[in-house]
Amino acid sequence: MEHVARLAVSIRLDDESQRALHALETTGLTRSEAIRKGLCLAAEQLGRLEMIRREAEMVTADQQDRREMLEIAAFMESLRAEG
């Protein structure tokens, strides 16, 4: 059987956090389940945001890609002007 370490955490909730916890509890989750789920979802979201940030940095640093985007934008603008 896998050994799982458990860590008890004490927190002080502000009004917004209390409302969010209550909303999760109304779905049938226990307080512990709601908090664990919230922590996991927040960590996943931060990971996705970091990945997006890195991708944006790569795109910004790609000078060839930037030139192509400017060319396409100029072409699209010329079509609009002709229209």
Protein backbone atom coordinates (compact mmCIF):
# COMPACT_ATOMS: atom_id res chain seq x y z
CA MET A 1 0.00 0.00 0.00
CA GLU A 2 1.35 3.41 -0.95
CA HIS A 3 2.35 5.67 1.93
CA VAL A 4 0.75 9.09 1.61
CA ALA A 5 2.05 11.88 3.81
CA ARG A 6 -0.67 14.20 5.01
CA LEU A 7 -0.12 17.82 5.82
CA ALA A 8 -2.62 19.83 7.81
CA VAL A 9 -2.78 23.47 6.83
CA SER A 10 -4.52 26.31 8.60
CA ILE A 11 -5.69 29.26 6.52
CA ARG A 12 -7.62 32.47 6.99
CA LEU A 13 -10.17 33.05 4.26
CA ASP A 14 -11.24 36.45 3.03
CA ASP A 15 -14.87 37.05 2.01
CA GLU A 16 -14.29 36.08 -1.63
CA SER A 17 -12.55 32.83 -0.65
CA GLN A 18 -15.32 32.00 1.82
CA ARG A 19 -17.95 32.45 -0.90
CA ALA A 20 -15.95 30.28 -3.30
CA LEU A 21 -15.50 27.55 -0.69
CA HIS A 22 -19.20 27.63 0.13
CA ALA A 23 -20.07 27.35 -3.58
CA LEU A 24 -17.84 24.28 -3.89
CA GLU A 25 -19.29 22.73 -0.75
CA THR A 26 -22.81 23.07 -2.19
CA THR A 27 -21.71 20.67 -4.95
CA GLY A 28 -21.17 17.98 -2.34
CA LEU A 29 -17.42 18.38 -1.87
CA THR A 30 -16.04 18.42 1.62
CA ARG A 31 -13.98 21.43 2.64
CA SER A 32 -10.80 19.41 2.31
CA GLU A 33 -11.77 18.10 -1.13
CA ALA A 34 -12.68 21.59 -2.33
CA ILE A 35 -9.42 23.09 -1.12
CA ARG A 36 -7.32 20.26 -2.57
CA LYS A 37 -9.13 20.56 -5.90
CA GLY A 38 -8.66 24.32 -5.90
CA LEU A 39 -4.94 24.01 -5.24
CA CYS A 40 -4.49 21.45 -8.01
CA LEU A 41 -6.48 23.52 -10.52
CA ALA A 42 -4.56 26.69 -9.61
CA ALA A 43 -1.24 24.87 -10.09
CA GLU A 44 -2.38 23.53 -13.49
CA GLN A 45 -3.50 27.00 -14.57
CA LEU A 46 -0.20 28.57 -13.52
CA GLY A 47 1.65 25.86 -15.45
CA ARG A 48 -0.41 26.60 -18.58
CA LEU A 49 0.16 30.34 -18.19
CA GLU A 50 3.91 29.77 -17.87
CA MET A 51 3.89 27.61 -21.00
CA ILE A 52 1.97 30.31 -22.91
CA ARG A 53 4.41 32.96 -21.68
CA ARG A 54 7.39 30.92 -22.92
CA GLU A 55 5.72 30.34 -26.30
CA ALA A 56 4.99 34.07 -26.63
CA GLU A 57 8.63 34.84 -25.88
CA MET A 58 9.73 32.39 -28.57
CA VAL A 59 7.36 33.91 -31.13
CA THR A 60 8.49 37.42 -30.24
CA ALA A 61 12.13 36.42 -30.63
CA ASP A 62 11.55 34.83 -34.08
CA GLN A 63 12.44 37.68 -36.43
CA GLN A 64 11.51 35.75 -39.59
CA ASP A 65 8.06 35.06 -38.16
CA ARG A 66 7.65 38.73 -37.22
CA ARG A 67 8.57 39.80 -40.78
CA GLU A 68 6.05 37.36 -42.24
CA MET A 69 3.32 38.60 -39.89
CA LEU A 70 4.03 42.21 -40.92
CA GLU A 71 3.93 41.25 -44.60
CA ILE A 72 0.60 39.49 -44.16
CA ALA A 73 -0.81 42.43 -42.20
CA ALA A 74 0.32 44.84 -44.93
CA PHE A 75 -1.22 42.59 -47.60
CA MET A 76 -4.53 42.36 -45.71
CA GLU A 77 -4.55 46.13 -45.27
CA SER A 78 -3.99 46.61 -49.02
CA LEU A 79 -6.99 44.35 -49.78
CA ARG A 80 -9.15 46.35 -47.40
CA ALA A 81 -8.03 49.63 -49.00
CA GLU A 82 -8.95 48.32 -52.47
CA GLY A 83 -12.35 47.06 -51.28
